Amino acid sequence: MAVNGTMKKRRKKRYLALYTTGELNKIIDACLHPFFGEEKSFVILDGAVHALLEKDVPKSAGKFIKYSLPQLLKRTGKKRTVRRKRSKK
């Protein structure tokens, strides 16, 4: 008890995050974006990891559709040209 007969209020310990959400997003981008050109699945993985981090699936899905899906579709639409060797007659 305190001197005047009332109890002191204890402060709740706050959890201090090591990184902010924005910093974590930048770390995710730095790790995954370099691989976008090599494999399309990294774009999908990037969207999924961001969705897990933000804990708001509808919002994350909207962002994925707005920013990542056009990029994926653009790459998928590109046809690879295969040169065939002409057979000798």
PDB file of N, CA and C in Angstrom:
ATOM      1  N   MET A   1       0.831  -1.195   0.000  1.00  0.00           N
ATOM      2  CA  MET A   1       0.000   0.000   0.000  1.00  0.00           C
ATOM      3  C   MET A   1       0.867   1.247   0.000  1.00  0.00           C
ATOM      4  N   ALA A   2       0.327   2.242  -0.600  1.00  0.00           N
ATOM      5  CA  ALA A   2       1.039   3.519  -0.634  1.00  0.00           C
ATOM      6  C   ALA A   2       0.802   4.257   0.673  1.00  0.00           C
ATOM      7  N   VAL A   3       1.440   5.371   0.814  1.00  0.00           N
ATOM      8  CA  VAL A   3       1.389   6.146   2.041  1.00  0.00           C
ATOM      9  C   VAL A   3      -0.032   6.608   2.370  1.00  0.00           C
ATOM     10  N   ASN A   4      -0.791   7.022   1.368  1.00  0.00           N
ATOM     11  CA  ASN A   4      -2.118   7.574   1.639  1.00  0.00           C
ATOM     12  C   ASN A   4      -3.216   6.501   1.650  1.00  0.00           C
ATOM     13  N   GLY A   5      -2.874   5.239   1.655  1.00  0.00           N
ATOM     14  CA  GLY A   5      -3.867   4.177   1.757  1.00  0.00           C
ATOM     15  C   GLY A   5      -4.372   3.628   0.439  1.00  0.00           C
ATOM     16  N   THR A   6      -3.913   4.154  -0.676  1.00  0.00           N
ATOM     17  CA  THR A   6      -4.329   3.607  -1.975  1.00  0.00           C
ATOM     18  C   THR A   6      -3.195   2.785  -2.564  1.00  0.00           C
ATOM     19  N   MET A   7      -3.580   1.858  -3.387  1.00  0.00           N
ATOM     20  CA  MET A   7      -2.557   1.013  -4.011  1.00  0.00           C
ATOM     21  C   MET A   7      -2.058   1.670  -5.299  1.00  0.00           C
ATOM     22  N   LYS A   8      -0.803   1.472  -5.543  1.00  0.00           N
ATOM     23  CA  LYS A   8      -0.236   1.995  -6.783  1.00  0.00           C
ATOM     24  C   LYS A   8      -0.712   1.140  -7.941  1.00  0.00           C
ATOM     25  N   LYS A   9      -0.983   1.784  -9.055  1.00  0.00           N
ATOM     26  CA  LYS A   9      -1.371   1.059 -10.264  1.00  0.00           C
ATOM     27  C   LYS A   9      -0.115   0.545 -10.942  1.00  0.00           C
ATOM     28  N   ARG A  10      -0.185  -0.684 -11.312  1.00  0.00           N
ATOM     29  CA  ARG A  10       0.934  -1.259 -12.054  1.00  0.00           C
ATOM     30  C   ARG A  10       0.721  -1.025 -13.535  1.00  0.00           C
ATOM     31  N   ARG A  11       1.760  -0.658 -14.181  1.00  0.00           N
ATOM     32  CA  ARG A  11       1.681  -0.483 -15.628  1.00  0.00           C
ATOM     33  C   ARG A  11       1.817  -1.836 -16.299  1.00  0.00           C
ATOM     34  N   LYS A  12       1.040  -2.004 -17.333  1.00  0.00           N
ATOM     35  CA  LYS A  12       1.150  -3.234 -18.097  1.00  0.00           C
ATOM     36  C   LYS A  12       2.401  -3.164 -18.947  1.00  0.00           C
ATOM     37  N   LYS A  13       3.087  -4.276 -19.016  1.00  0.00           N
ATOM     38  CA  LYS A  13       4.264  -4.331 -19.875  1.00  0.00           C
ATOM     39  C   LYS A  13       3.803  -4.449 -21.308  1.00  0.00           C
ATOM     40  N   ARG A  14       4.286  -3.562 -22.120  1.00  0.00           N
ATOM     41  CA  ARG A  14       3.944  -3.585 -23.539  1.00  0.00           C
ATOM     42  C   ARG A  14       4.952  -4.436 -24.281  1.00  0.00           C
ATOM     43  N   TYR A  15       4.440  -5.160 -25.257  1.00  0.00           N
ATOM     44  CA  TYR A  15       5.311  -5.941 -26.119  1.00  0.00           C
ATOM     45  C   TYR A  15       5.910  -4.998 -27.146  1.00  0.00           C
ATOM     46  N   LEU A  16       7.199  -4.903 -27.149  1.00  0.00           N
ATOM     47  CA  LEU A  16       7.875  -4.066 -28.134  1.00  0.00           C
ATOM     48  C   LEU A  16       8.356  -4.954 -29.268  1.00  0.00           C
ATOM     49  N   ALA A  17       7.809  -4.717 -30.429  1.00  0.00           N
ATOM     50  CA  ALA A  17       8.171  -5.516 -31.596  1.00  0.00           C
ATOM     51  C   ALA A  17       9.595  -5.188 -32.025  1.00  0.00           C
ATOM     52  N   LEU A  18      10.258  -6.187 -32.515  1.00  0.00           N
ATOM     53  CA  LEU A  18      11.621  -6.007 -32.980  1.00  0.00           C
ATOM     54  C   LEU A  18      11.648  -5.168 -34.263  1.00  0.00           C
ATOM     55  N   TYR A  19      10.673  -5.434 -35.150  1.00  0.00           N
ATOM     56  CA  TYR A  19      10.543  -4.694 -36.404  1.00  0.00           C
ATOM     57  C   TYR A  19       9.107  -4.213 -36.560  1.00  0.00           C
ATOM     58  N   THR A  20       8.928  -3.112 -37.248  1.00  0.00           N
ATOM     59  CA  THR A  20       7.580  -2.646 -37.569  1.00  0.00           C
ATOM     60  C   THR A  20       7.070  -3.435 -38.767  1.00  0.00           C
ATOM     61  N   THR A  21       5.774  -3.343 -39.016  1.00  0.00           N
ATOM     62  CA  THR A  21       5.183  -4.043 -40.159  1.00  0.00           C
ATOM     63  C   THR A  21       5.805  -3.564 -41.465  1.00  0.00           C
ATOM     64  N   GLY A  22       6.022  -2.274 -41.571  1.00  0.00           N
ATOM     65  CA  GLY A  22       6.642  -1.720 -42.782  1.00  0.00           C
ATOM     66  C   GLY A  22       8.049  -2.256 -42.998  1.00  0.00           C
ATOM     67  N   GLU A  23       8.810  -2.362 -41.912  1.00  0.00           N
ATOM     68  CA  GLU A  23      10.168  -2.894 -42.032  1.00  0.00           C
ATOM     69  C   GLU A  23      10.139  -4.365 -42.444  1.00  0.00           C
ATOM     70  N   LEU A  24       9.189  -5.129 -41.883  1.00  0.00           N
ATOM     71  CA  LEU A  24       9.067  -6.537 -42.259  1.00  0.00           C
ATOM     72  C   LEU A  24       8.673  -6.673 -43.730  1.00  0.00           C
ATOM     73  N   ASN A  25       7.796  -5.805 -44.194  1.00  0.00           N
ATOM     74  CA  ASN A  25       7.413  -5.824 -45.614  1.00  0.00           C
ATOM     75  C   ASN A  25       8.624  -5.571 -46.506  1.00  0.00           C
ATOM     76  N   LYS A  26       9.474  -4.640 -46.103  1.00  0.00           N
ATOM     77  CA  LYS A  26      10.678  -4.352 -46.893  1.00  0.00           C
ATOM     78  C   LYS A  26      11.643  -5.531 -46.886  1.00  0.00           C
ATOM     79  N   ILE A  27      11.747  -6.228 -45.758  1.00  0.00           N
ATOM     80  CA  ILE A  27      12.617  -7.400 -45.673  1.00  0.00           C
ATOM     81  C   ILE A  27      12.102  -8.505 -46.599  1.00  0.00           C
ATOM     82  N   ILE A  28      10.785  -8.731 -46.567  1.00  0.00           N
ATOM     83  CA  ILE A  28      10.174  -9.736 -47.437  1.00  0.00           C
ATOM     84  C   ILE A  28      10.442  -9.388 -48.894  1.00  0.00           C
ATOM     85  N   ASP A  29      10.230  -8.131 -49.253  1.00  0.00           N
ATOM     86  CA  ASP A  29      10.459  -7.694 -50.633  1.00  0.00           C
ATOM     87  C   ASP A  29      11.922  -7.882 -51.044  1.00  0.00           C
ATOM     88  N   ALA A  30      12.830  -7.527 -50.138  1.00  0.00           N
ATOM     89  CA  ALA A  30      14.254  -7.649 -50.447  1.00  0.00           C
ATOM     90  C   ALA A  30      14.664  -9.108 -50.653  1.00  0.00           C
ATOM     91  N   CYS A  31      14.007 -10.015 -49.946  1.00  0.00           N
ATOM     92  CA  CYS A  31      14.347 -11.438 -50.062  1.00  0.00           C
ATOM     93  C   CYS A  31      13.727 -12.100 -51.291  1.00  0.00           C
ATOM     94  N   LEU A  32      12.503 -11.717 -51.627  1.00  0.00           N
ATOM     95  CA  LEU A  32      11.782 -12.437 -52.675  1.00  0.00           C
ATOM     96  C   LEU A  32      11.815 -11.769 -54.051  1.00  0.00           C
ATOM     97  N   HIS A  33      11.836 -10.442 -54.120  1.00  0.00           N
ATOM     98  CA  HIS A  33      11.764  -9.758 -55.407  1.00  0.00           C
ATOM     99  C   HIS A  33      12.918 -10.091 -56.362  1.00  0.00           C
ATOM    100  N   PRO A  34      14.140 -10.335 -55.872  1.00  0.00           N
ATOM    101  CA  PRO A  34      15.202 -10.692 -56.819  1.00  0.00           C
ATOM    102  C   PRO A  34      14.932 -11.982 -57.600  1.00  0.00           C
ATOM    103  N   PHE A  35      14.054 -12.837 -57.084  1.00  0.00           N
ATOM    104  CA  PHE A  35      13.774 -14.109 -57.738  1.00  0.00           C
ATOM    105  C   PHE A  35      12.562 -14.067 -58.659  1.00  0.00           C
ATOM    106  N   PHE A  36      11.905 -12.920 -58.756  1.00  0.00           N
ATOM    107  CA  PHE A  36      10.706 -12.819 -59.587  1.00  0.00           C
ATOM    108  C   PHE A  36      10.980 -13.169 -61.040  1.00  0.00           C
ATOM    109  N   GLY A  37      12.113 -12.771 -61.555  1.00  0.00           N
ATOM    110  CA  GLY A  37      12.426 -13.031 -62.952  1.00  0.00           C
ATOM    111  C   GLY A  37      12.720 -14.488 -63.242  1.00  0.00           C
ATOM    112  N   GLU A  38      13.174 -15.206 -62.235  1.00  0.00           N
ATOM    113  CA  GLU A  38      13.541 -16.607 -62.430  1.00  0.00           C
ATOM    114  C   GLU A  38      12.352 -17.551 -62.376  1.00  0.00           C
ATOM    115  N   GLU A  39      11.454 -17.298 -61.450  1.00  0.00           N
ATOM    116  CA  GLU A  39      10.344 -18.222 -61.233  1.00  0.00           C
ATOM    117  C   GLU A  39       9.088 -17.455 -60.848  1.00  0.00           C
ATOM    118  N   LYS A  40       7.984 -17.760 -61.518  1.00  0.00           N
ATOM    119  CA  LYS A  40       6.719 -17.064 -61.260  1.00  0.00           C
ATOM    120  C   LYS A  40       6.156 -17.375 -59.883  1.00  0.00           C
ATOM    121  N   SER A  41       6.490 -18.525 -59.345  1.00  0.00           N
ATOM    122  CA  SER A  41       5.926 -18.918 -58.055  1.00  0.00           C
ATOM    123  C   SER A  41       6.389 -17.998 -56.918  1.00  0.00           C
ATOM    124  N   PHE A  42       7.515 -17.310 -57.096  1.00  0.00           N
ATOM    125  CA  PHE A  42       7.974 -16.381 -56.065  1.00  0.00           C
ATOM    126  C   PHE A  42       7.029 -15.180 -55.929  1.00  0.00           C
ATOM    127  N   VAL A  43       6.371 -14.805 -57.005  1.00  0.00           N
ATOM    128  CA  VAL A  43       5.393 -13.708 -56.947  1.00  0.00           C
ATOM    129  C   VAL A  43       4.206 -14.131 -56.078  1.00  0.00           C
ATOM    130  N   ILE A  44       3.756 -15.367 -56.259  1.00  0.00           N
ATOM    131  CA  ILE A  44       2.648 -15.882 -55.463  1.00  0.00           C
ATOM    132  C   ILE A  44       3.071 -16.032 -54.001  1.00  0.00           C
ATOM    133  N   LEU A  45       4.274 -16.539 -53.775  1.00  0.00           N
ATOM    134  CA  LEU A  45       4.799 -16.671 -52.420  1.00  0.00           C
ATOM    135  C   LEU A  45       4.884 -15.313 -51.733  1.00  0.00           C
ATOM    136  N   ASP A  46       5.329 -14.308 -52.456  1.00  0.00           N
ATOM    137  CA  ASP A  46       5.424 -12.944 -51.922  1.00  0.00           C
ATOM    138  C   ASP A  46       4.048 -12.457 -51.452  1.00  0.00           C
ATOM    139  N   GLY A  47       3.032 -12.663 -52.273  1.00  0.00           N
ATOM    140  CA  GLY A  47       1.682 -12.255 -51.891  1.00  0.00           C
ATOM    141  C   GLY A  47       1.181 -12.996 -50.665  1.00  0.00           C
ATOM    142  N   ALA A  48       1.481 -14.290 -50.593  1.00  0.00           N
ATOM    143  CA  ALA A  48       1.038 -15.087 -49.448  1.00  0.00           C
ATOM    144  C   ALA A  48       1.726 -14.666 -48.150  1.00  0.00           C
ATOM    145  N   VAL A  49       3.013 -14.398 -48.219  1.00  0.00           N
ATOM    146  CA  VAL A  49       3.751 -13.992 -47.021  1.00  0.00           C
ATOM    147  C   VAL A  49       3.276 -12.627 -46.537  1.00  0.00           C
ATOM    148  N   HIS A  50       3.031 -11.714 -47.467  1.00  0.00           N
ATOM    149  CA  HIS A  50       2.504 -10.405 -47.080  1.00  0.00           C
ATOM    150  C   HIS A  50       1.117 -10.539 -46.444  1.00  0.00           C
ATOM    151  N   ALA A  51       0.289 -11.441 -46.966  1.00  0.00           N
ATOM    152  CA  ALA A  51      -1.047 -11.661 -46.408  1.00  0.00           C
ATOM    153  C   ALA A  51      -0.946 -12.198 -44.984  1.00  0.00           C
ATOM    154  N   LEU A  52      -0.018 -13.118 -44.741  1.00  0.00           N
ATOM    155  CA  LEU A  52       0.178 -13.640 -43.391  1.00  0.00           C
ATOM    156  C   LEU A  52       0.636 -12.553 -42.428  1.00  0.00           C
ATOM    157  N   LEU A  53       1.501 -11.703 -42.905  1.00  0.00           N
ATOM    158  CA  LEU A  53       2.034 -10.631 -42.066  1.00  0.00           C
ATOM    159  C   LEU A  53       0.948  -9.615 -41.705  1.00  0.00           C
ATOM    160  N   GLU A  54       0.172  -9.221 -42.690  1.00  0.00           N
ATOM    161  CA  GLU A  54      -0.828  -8.175 -42.467  1.00  0.00           C
ATOM    162  C   GLU A  54      -2.081  -8.686 -41.769  1.00  0.00           C
ATOM    163  N   LYS A  55      -2.323  -9.996 -41.792  1.00  0.00           N
ATOM    164  CA  LYS A  55      -3.466 -10.619 -41.120  1.00  0.00           C
ATOM    165  C   LYS A  55      -4.809 -10.057 -41.583  1.00  0.00           C
ATOM    166  N   ASP A  56      -4.857  -9.612 -42.829  1.00  0.00           N
ATOM    167  CA  ASP A  56      -6.097  -9.105 -43.416  1.00  0.00           C
ATOM    168  C   ASP A  56      -6.185  -9.659 -44.836  1.00  0.00           C
ATOM    169  N   VAL A  57      -6.752 -10.844 -44.941  1.00  0.00           N
ATOM    170  CA  VAL A  57      -6.750 -11.560 -46.212  1.00  0.00           C
ATOM    171  C   VAL A  57      -7.480 -10.802 -47.327  1.00  0.00           C
ATOM    172  N   PRO A  58      -8.681 -10.258 -47.095  1.00  0.00           N
ATOM    173  CA  PRO A  58      -9.348  -9.539 -48.197  1.00  0.00           C
ATOM    174  C   PRO A  58      -8.532  -8.343 -48.710  1.00  0.00           C
ATOM    175  N   LYS A  59      -7.934  -7.606 -47.798  1.00  0.00           N
ATOM    176  CA  LYS A  59      -7.123  -6.452 -48.199  1.00  0.00           C
ATOM    177  C   LYS A  59      -5.886  -6.911 -48.976  1.00  0.00           C
ATOM    178  N   SER A  60      -5.244  -7.957 -48.482  1.00  0.00           N
ATOM    179  CA  SER A  60      -4.050  -8.483 -49.146  1.00  0.00           C
ATOM    180  C   SER A  60      -4.392  -9.065 -50.508  1.00  0.00           C
ATOM    181  N   ALA A  61      -5.533  -9.738 -50.606  1.00  0.00           N
ATOM    182  CA  ALA A  61      -5.957 -10.290 -51.895  1.00  0.00           C
ATOM    183  C   ALA A  61      -6.198  -9.167 -52.903  1.00  0.00           C
ATOM    184  N   GLY A  62      -6.804  -8.095 -52.429  1.00  0.00           N
ATOM    185  CA  GLY A  62      -7.021  -6.941 -53.307  1.00  0.00           C
ATOM    186  C   GLY A  62      -5.721  -6.344 -53.799  1.00  0.00           C
ATOM    187  N   LYS A  63      -4.748  -6.221 -52.909  1.00  0.00           N
ATOM    188  CA  LYS A  63      -3.439  -5.697 -53.305  1.00  0.00           C
ATOM    189  C   LYS A  63      -2.751  -6.633 -54.294  1.00  0.00           C
ATOM    190  N   PHE A  64      -2.880  -7.945 -54.054  1.00  0.00           N
ATOM    191  CA  PHE A  64      -2.264  -8.919 -54.964  1.00  0.00           C
ATOM    192  C   PHE A  64      -2.867  -8.803 -56.353  1.00  0.00           C
ATOM    193  N   ILE A  65      -4.196  -8.689 -56.402  1.00  0.00           N
ATOM    194  CA  ILE A  65      -4.880  -8.571 -57.694  1.00  0.00           C
ATOM    195  C   ILE A  65      -4.481  -7.274 -58.399  1.00  0.00           C
ATOM    196  N   LYS A  66      -4.341  -6.223 -57.630  1.00  0.00           N
ATOM    197  CA  LYS A  66      -4.023  -4.917 -58.220  1.00  0.00           C
ATOM    198  C   LYS A  66      -2.573  -4.830 -58.709  1.00  0.00           C
ATOM    199  N   TYR A  67      -1.646  -5.347 -57.912  1.00  0.00           N
ATOM    200  CA  TYR A  67      -0.231  -5.130 -58.223  1.00  0.00           C
ATOM    201  C   TYR A  67       0.478  -6.348 -58.821  1.00  0.00           C
ATOM    202  N   SER A  68       0.241  -7.531 -58.298  1.00  0.00           N
ATOM    203  CA  SER A  68       1.026  -8.696 -58.704  1.00  0.00           C
ATOM    204  C   SER A  68       0.398  -9.500 -59.838  1.00  0.00           C
ATOM    205  N   LEU A  69      -0.909  -9.608 -59.857  1.00  0.00           N
ATOM    206  CA  LEU A  69      -1.566 -10.421 -60.871  1.00  0.00           C
ATOM    207  C   LEU A  69      -1.307  -9.910 -62.292  1.00  0.00           C
ATOM    208  N   PRO A  70      -1.385  -8.608 -62.547  1.00  0.00           N
ATOM    209  CA  PRO A  70      -1.073  -8.143 -63.907  1.00  0.00           C
ATOM    210  C   PRO A  70       0.353  -8.504 -64.339  1.00  0.00           C
ATOM    211  N   GLN A  71       1.281  -8.445 -63.394  1.00  0.00           N
ATOM    212  CA  GLN A  71       2.667  -8.799 -63.679  1.00  0.00           C
ATOM    213  C   GLN A  71       2.762 -10.288 -64.032  1.00  0.00           C
ATOM    214  N   LEU A  72       2.045 -11.125 -63.291  1.00  0.00           N
ATOM    215  CA  LEU A  72       2.044 -12.563 -63.567  1.00  0.00           C
ATOM    216  C   LEU A  72       1.427 -12.871 -64.927  1.00  0.00           C
ATOM    217  N   LEU A  73       0.299 -12.233 -65.196  1.00  0.00           N
ATOM    218  CA  LEU A  73      -0.384 -12.476 -66.462  1.00  0.00           C
ATOM    219  C   LEU A  73       0.450 -12.004 -67.650  1.00  0.00           C
ATOM    220  N   LYS A  74       1.166 -10.917 -67.452  1.00  0.00           N
ATOM    221  CA  LYS A  74       2.021 -10.394 -68.518  1.00  0.00           C
ATOM    222  C   LYS A  74       3.114 -11.403 -68.859  1.00  0.00           C
ATOM    223  N   ARG A  75       3.701 -12.001 -67.836  1.00  0.00           N
ATOM    224  CA  ARG A  75       4.757 -12.990 -68.054  1.00  0.00           C
ATOM    225  C   ARG A  75       4.213 -14.281 -68.635  1.00  0.00           C
ATOM    226  N   THR A  76       3.039 -14.680 -68.188  1.00  0.00           N
ATOM    227  CA  THR A  76       2.441 -15.913 -68.674  1.00  0.00           C
ATOM    228  C   THR A  76       2.039 -15.778 -70.131  1.00  0.00           C
ATOM    229  N   GLY A  77       1.643 -14.568 -70.532  1.00  0.00           N
ATOM    230  CA  GLY A  77       1.215 -14.334 -71.900  1.00  0.00           C
ATOM    231  C   GLY A  77       2.345 -14.372 -72.905  1.00  0.00           C
ATOM    232  N   LYS A  78       3.553 -14.146 -72.437  1.00  0.00           N
ATOM    233  CA  LYS A  78       4.692 -14.166 -73.355  1.00  0.00           C
ATOM    234  C   LYS A  78       4.942 -15.601 -73.794  1.00  0.00           C
ATOM    235  N   LYS A  79       5.005 -15.779 -75.081  1.00  0.00           N
ATOM    236  CA  LYS A  79       5.274 -17.104 -75.620  1.00  0.00           C
ATOM    237  C   LYS A  79       6.760 -17.230 -75.894  1.00  0.00           C
ATOM    238  N   ARG A  80       7.250 -18.358 -75.557  1.00  0.00           N
ATOM    239  CA  ARG A  80       8.660 -18.617 -75.831  1.00  0.00           C
ATOM    240  C   ARG A  80       8.787 -19.127 -77.257  1.00  0.00           C
ATOM    241  N   THR A  81       9.728 -18.571 -77.953  1.00  0.00           N
ATOM    242  CA  THR A  81       9.944 -19.041 -79.327  1.00  0.00           C
ATOM    243  C   THR A  81      11.035 -20.087 -79.312  1.00  0.00           C
ATOM    244  N   VAL A  82      10.744 -21.183 -79.929  1.00  0.00           N
ATOM    245  CA  VAL A  82      11.702 -22.277 -80.014  1.00  0.00           C
ATOM    246  C   VAL A  82      12.131 -22.392 -81.457  1.00  0.00           C
ATOM    247  N   ARG A  83      13.411 -22.280 -81.667  1.00  0.00           N
ATOM    248  CA  ARG A  83      13.928 -22.403 -83.024  1.00  0.00           C
ATOM    249  C   ARG A  83      14.184 -23.868 -83.316  1.00  0.00           C
ATOM    250  N   ARG A  84      13.651 -24.289 -84.402  1.00  0.00           N
ATOM    251  CA  ARG A  84      13.869 -25.668 -84.813  1.00  0.00           C
ATOM    252  C   ARG A  84      14.929 -25.695 -85.906  1.00  0.00           C
ATOM    253  N   LYS A  85      15.723 -26.692 -85.831  1.00  0.00           N
ATOM    254  CA  LYS A  85      16.729 -26.854 -86.874  1.00  0.00           C
ATOM    255  C   LYS A  85      16.049 -27.420 -88.110  1.00  0.00           C
ATOM    256  N   ARG A  86      16.420 -26.871 -89.230  1.00  0.00           N
ATOM    257  CA  ARG A  86      15.847 -27.370 -90.480  1.00  0.00           C
ATOM    258  C   ARG A  86      16.481 -28.710 -90.819  1.00  0.00           C
ATOM    259  N   SER A  87      15.657 -29.597 -91.200  1.00  0.00           N
ATOM    260  CA  SER A  87      16.199 -30.913 -91.572  1.00  0.00           C
ATOM    261  C   SER A  87      16.770 -30.809 -92.995  1.00  0.00           C
ATOM    262  N   LYS A  88      17.856 -31.491 -93.190  1.00  0.00           N
ATOM    263  CA  LYS A  88      18.500 -31.469 -94.505  1.00  0.00           C
ATOM    264  C   LYS A  88      17.786 -32.469 -95.406  1.00  0.00           C
ATOM    265  N   LYS A  89      17.513 -32.054 -96.632  1.00  0.00           N
ATOM    266  CA  LYS A  89      16.804 -32.921 -97.590  1.00  0.00           C
ATOM    267  C   LYS A  89      17.754 -33.671 -98.446  1.00  0.00           C
TER     268      LYS A  89
END
